[in-house]
Structures are given as C-alpha cells and as structure tokens.
Amino acid sequence: MAFFDDMSDTMYKVFLAGVGAVATTAEKSSKIVDDLVKKGELTVEQGKTLNEALKHKAAEASSDSEAAILRAHLKNMTPEQRAAYVKKVQKIRDDLDAEPVEVDVEDDSDDDAAGGSKAEDAD
C-alpha cells in the first residue's frame, strides 16, 4: 500500500501544482486584459469576452494535464495495481454518492401563526 500512498501523494502534489499554474495564469491574464481595457486598446465588452475565453482555455489545459498525469501513473502500474487502484477510486465514488443531500426547507410556521396558511389566503 505504500506504493499507492506515495503515488497518491505525488499525484496530489502535481494536481495542486497544476491548479496553482492555472490560477496564476488566470490572474495574470485578467490583469493584462484589465490593463488593456484601461489603456483603451480593448473595449470593456471585448475584455470580458477575452477574459472568459482565457479562463476556459486555462481550465481545459488543467483538465488535459490532469488526465495526462493520471494516464502516465496508470501506465507504470501492473495490471494488479491498476485493478486495486480502480477499486479504491470506485469506493471513493460510492462514498461520495452515498453522502446525504442537505435540502433547505423554508419554515412556513410564521404564516400559520399570522392567521392562516397561504392556501387559505388565496381563497
């Protein structure tokens, strides 16, 4: 299991590095777009459009990098290690799917105390 722990730690660090790179790129690109808008070289609308496109490309690059890293790690595993890793990921998925969903429900007790329900008010 030490192999999986080391691999998980390495993948986690690489993932964080990728996220950091994407965040830095998005921040820098936003600053550049804002500077161009201030100088009047771009209109505000063009700046917003360009900024959204840059954010989309950065997120796409991060996703592609993450997939490439995972593929490289899986490629270096034996079939037994891959099977064990798949079971581990499936357990995580099942745990996440089993988490209870919290729903906020408005309390209508104030309406009842004020002299009736909404259905009665509509009549």
C-alpha atoms as a PDB file:
ATOM      1  CA  MET A   1       0.000   0.000   0.000  1.00  0.00           C
ATOM      2  CA  ALA A   2       2.984   2.289   0.404  1.00  0.00           C
ATOM      3  CA  PHE A   3       3.174   2.461  -3.391  1.00  0.00           C
ATOM      4  CA  PHE A   4      -0.394   3.794  -3.578  1.00  0.00           C
ATOM      5  CA  ASP A   5       0.229   6.250  -0.759  1.00  0.00           C
ATOM      6  CA  ASP A   6       3.367   7.567  -2.475  1.00  0.00           C
ATOM      7  CA  MET A   7       1.595   7.715  -5.804  1.00  0.00           C
ATOM      8  CA  SER A   8      -1.431   9.425  -4.288  1.00  0.00           C
ATOM      9  CA  ASP A   9       0.791  11.981  -2.590  1.00  0.00           C
ATOM     10  CA  THR A  10       2.713  12.614  -5.810  1.00  0.00           C
ATOM     11  CA  MET A  11      -0.471  12.915  -7.859  1.00  0.00           C
ATOM     12  CA  TYR A  12      -1.949  15.253  -5.257  1.00  0.00           C
ATOM     13  CA  LYS A  13       1.127  17.495  -5.377  1.00  0.00           C
ATOM     14  CA  VAL A  14       1.133  17.510  -9.181  1.00  0.00           C
ATOM     15  CA  PHE A  15      -2.590  18.286  -9.214  1.00  0.00           C
ATOM     16  CA  LEU A  16      -2.061  21.185  -6.787  1.00  0.00           C
ATOM     17  CA  ALA A  17       0.804  22.464  -8.924  1.00  0.00           C
ATOM     18  CA  GLY A  18      -1.480  22.339 -11.966  1.00  0.00           C
ATOM     19  CA  VAL A  19      -4.244  24.174 -10.141  1.00  0.00           C
ATOM     20  CA  GLY A  20      -1.741  26.771  -8.978  1.00  0.00           C
ATOM     21  CA  ALA A  21      -0.464  27.239 -12.507  1.00  0.00           C
ATOM     22  CA  VAL A  22      -3.982  27.646 -13.866  1.00  0.00           C
ATOM     23  CA  ALA A  23      -4.899  30.102 -11.112  1.00  0.00           C
ATOM     24  CA  THR A  24      -1.752  32.114 -11.718  1.00  0.00           C
ATOM     25  CA  THR A  25      -2.384  32.136 -15.460  1.00  0.00           C
ATOM     26  CA  ALA A  26      -5.984  33.254 -14.951  1.00  0.00           C
ATOM     27  CA  GLU A  27      -4.909  36.040 -12.573  1.00  0.00           C
ATOM     28  CA  LYS A  28      -2.173  37.275 -14.898  1.00  0.00           C
ATOM     29  CA  SER A  29      -4.430  37.140 -17.955  1.00  0.00           C
ATOM     30  CA  SER A  30      -7.152  39.043 -16.109  1.00  0.00           C
ATOM     31  CA  LYS A  31      -4.624  41.716 -15.126  1.00  0.00           C
ATOM     32  CA  ILE A  32      -3.377  42.017 -18.708  1.00  0.00           C
ATOM     33  CA  VAL A  33      -6.935  42.305 -20.046  1.00  0.00           C
ATOM     34  CA  ASP A  34      -7.804  44.902 -17.392  1.00  0.00           C
ATOM     35  CA  ASP A  35      -4.681  46.903 -18.293  1.00  0.00           C
ATOM     36  CA  LEU A  36      -5.579  46.833 -21.995  1.00  0.00           C
ATOM     37  CA  VAL A  37      -9.114  47.987 -21.204  1.00  0.00           C
ATOM     38  CA  LYS A  38      -7.761  50.859 -19.076  1.00  0.00           C
ATOM     39  CA  LYS A  39      -5.465  51.929 -21.887  1.00  0.00           C
ATOM     40  CA  GLY A  40      -8.406  51.894 -24.260  1.00  0.00           C
ATOM     41  CA  GLU A  41      -6.879  49.283 -26.517  1.00  0.00           C
ATOM     42  CA  LEU A  42      -9.837  46.996 -25.817  1.00  0.00           C
ATOM     43  CA  THR A  43     -13.417  47.814 -25.075  1.00  0.00           C
ATOM     44  CA  VAL A  44     -14.863  46.523 -21.820  1.00  0.00           C
ATOM     45  CA  GLU A  45     -17.011  44.029 -23.727  1.00  0.00           C
ATOM     46  CA  GLN A  46     -14.025  42.737 -25.702  1.00  0.00           C
ATOM     47  CA  GLY A  47     -12.111  42.433 -22.436  1.00  0.00           C
ATOM     48  CA  LYS A  48     -14.876  40.384 -20.820  1.00  0.00           C
ATOM     49  CA  THR A  49     -15.080  38.091 -23.840  1.00  0.00           C
ATOM     50  CA  LEU A  50     -11.319  37.640 -23.974  1.00  0.00           C
ATOM     51  CA  ASN A  51     -11.114  37.027 -20.243  1.00  0.00           C
ATOM     52  CA  GLU A  52     -13.803  34.309 -20.420  1.00  0.00           C
ATOM     53  CA  ALA A  53     -12.023  32.650 -23.344  1.00  0.00           C
ATOM     54  CA  LEU A  54      -8.730  32.671 -21.445  1.00  0.00           C
ATOM     55  CA  LYS A  55     -10.365  31.186 -18.339  1.00  0.00           C
ATOM     56  CA  HIS A  56     -11.932  28.440 -20.450  1.00  0.00           C
ATOM     57  CA  LYS A  57      -8.608  27.611 -22.109  1.00  0.00           C
ATOM     58  CA  ALA A  58      -6.821  27.547 -18.745  1.00  0.00           C
ATOM     59  CA  ALA A  59      -9.409  25.169 -17.261  1.00  0.00           C
ATOM     60  CA  GLU A  60      -9.193  22.969 -20.339  1.00  0.00           C
ATOM     61  CA  ALA A  61      -5.394  22.861 -20.115  1.00  0.00           C
ATOM     62  CA  SER A  62      -5.602  21.914 -16.447  1.00  0.00           C
ATOM     63  CA  SER A  63      -8.019  19.083 -17.214  1.00  0.00           C
ATOM     64  CA  ASP A  64      -5.801  17.810 -20.035  1.00  0.00           C
ATOM     65  CA  SER A  65      -2.740  17.930 -17.767  1.00  0.00           C
ATOM     66  CA  GLU A  66      -4.539  16.074 -15.016  1.00  0.00           C
ATOM     67  CA  ALA A  67      -5.606  13.331 -17.455  1.00  0.00           C
ATOM     68  CA  ALA A  68      -2.064  13.019 -18.840  1.00  0.00           C
ATOM     69  CA  ILE A  69      -0.610  12.693 -15.341  1.00  0.00           C
ATOM     70  CA  LEU A  70      -3.138  10.039 -14.386  1.00  0.00           C
ATOM     71  CA  ARG A  71      -2.511   8.153 -17.630  1.00  0.00           C
ATOM     72  CA  ALA A  72       1.257   8.192 -17.003  1.00  0.00           C
ATOM     73  CA  HIS A  73       0.821   6.831 -13.476  1.00  0.00           C
ATOM     74  CA  LEU A  74      -1.588   4.132 -14.599  1.00  0.00           C
ATOM     75  CA  LYS A  75       0.728   3.135 -17.434  1.00  0.00           C
ATOM     76  CA  ASN A  76       3.517   2.445 -14.945  1.00  0.00           C
ATOM     77  CA  MET A  77       1.316   0.155 -12.822  1.00  0.00           C
ATOM     78  CA  THR A  78       0.964  -3.574 -13.144  1.00  0.00           C
ATOM     79  CA  PRO A  79      -2.500  -4.850 -14.072  1.00  0.00           C
ATOM     80  CA  GLU A  80      -2.997  -5.892 -10.442  1.00  0.00           C
ATOM     81  CA  GLN A  81      -2.044  -2.419  -9.193  1.00  0.00           C
ATOM     82  CA  ARG A  82      -4.416  -0.820 -11.710  1.00  0.00           C
ATOM     83  CA  ALA A  83      -7.234  -3.113 -10.581  1.00  0.00           C
ATOM     84  CA  ALA A  84      -6.568  -2.194  -6.942  1.00  0.00           C
ATOM     85  CA  TYR A  85      -6.482   1.496  -7.848  1.00  0.00           C
ATOM     86  CA  VAL A  86      -9.782   1.211  -9.733  1.00  0.00           C
ATOM     87  CA  LYS A  87     -11.375  -0.429  -6.673  1.00  0.00           C
ATOM     88  CA  LYS A  88     -10.074   2.402  -4.494  1.00  0.00           C
ATOM     89  CA  VAL A  89     -11.497   5.040  -6.849  1.00  0.00           C
ATOM     90  CA  GLN A  90     -14.829   3.208  -7.044  1.00  0.00           C
ATOM     91  CA  LYS A  91     -15.001   3.148  -3.229  1.00  0.00           C
ATOM     92  CA  ILE A  92     -14.385   6.903  -3.150  1.00  0.00           C
ATOM     93  CA  ARG A  93     -17.106   7.405  -5.784  1.00  0.00           C
ATOM     94  CA  ASP A  94     -19.534   5.234  -3.829  1.00  0.00           C
ATOM     95  CA  ASP A  95     -18.751   7.132  -0.615  1.00  0.00           C
ATOM     96  CA  LEU A  96     -19.383  10.451  -2.341  1.00  0.00           C
ATOM     97  CA  ASP A  97     -22.605   9.193  -3.928  1.00  0.00           C
ATOM     98  CA  ALA A  98     -23.794   7.938  -0.531  1.00  0.00           C
ATOM     99  CA  GLU A  99     -23.291  11.287   1.208  1.00  0.00           C
ATOM    100  CA  PRO A 100     -26.622  12.699   2.340  1.00  0.00           C
ATOM    101  CA  VAL A 101     -28.012  15.592   0.384  1.00  0.00           C
ATOM    102  CA  GLU A 102     -28.995  18.544   2.536  1.00  0.00           C
ATOM    103  CA  VAL A 103     -32.055  20.493   1.460  1.00  0.00           C
ATOM    104  CA  ASP A 104     -33.002  23.823   2.979  1.00  0.00           C
ATOM    105  CA  VAL A 105     -36.722  23.946   3.626  1.00  0.00           C
ATOM    106  CA  GLU A 106     -38.429  27.228   4.383  1.00  0.00           C
ATOM    107  CA  ASP A 107     -40.369  27.276   7.622  1.00  0.00           C
ATOM    108  CA  ASP A 108     -43.988  28.289   6.993  1.00  0.00           C
ATOM    109  CA  SER A 109     -44.866  28.317  10.690  1.00  0.00           C
ATOM    110  CA  ASP A 110     -44.873  32.149  10.630  1.00  0.00           C
ATOM    111  CA  ASP A 111     -47.742  32.068   8.104  1.00  0.00           C
ATOM    112  CA  ASP A 112     -49.751  29.721  10.311  1.00  0.00           C
ATOM    113  CA  ALA A 113     -49.208  31.902  13.364  1.00  0.00           C
ATOM    114  CA  ALA A 114     -50.275  35.006  11.452  1.00  0.00           C
ATOM    115  CA  GLY A 115     -53.755  33.706  10.877  1.00  0.00           C
ATOM    116  CA  GLY A 116     -53.706  31.008   8.252  1.00  0.00           C
ATOM    117  CA  SER A 117     -51.839  29.269   5.504  1.00  0.00           C
ATOM    118  CA  LYS A 118     -51.112  30.601   2.050  1.00  0.00           C
ATOM    119  CA  ALA A 119     -53.838  28.366   0.599  1.00  0.00           C
ATOM    120  CA  GLU A 120     -56.417  29.963   2.865  1.00  0.00           C
ATOM    121  CA  ASP A 121     -55.193  33.450   1.931  1.00  0.00           C
ATOM    122  CA  ALA A 122     -55.737  32.672  -1.771  1.00  0.00           C
ATOM    123  CA  ASP A 123     -59.450  31.842  -1.225  1.00  0.00           C
END
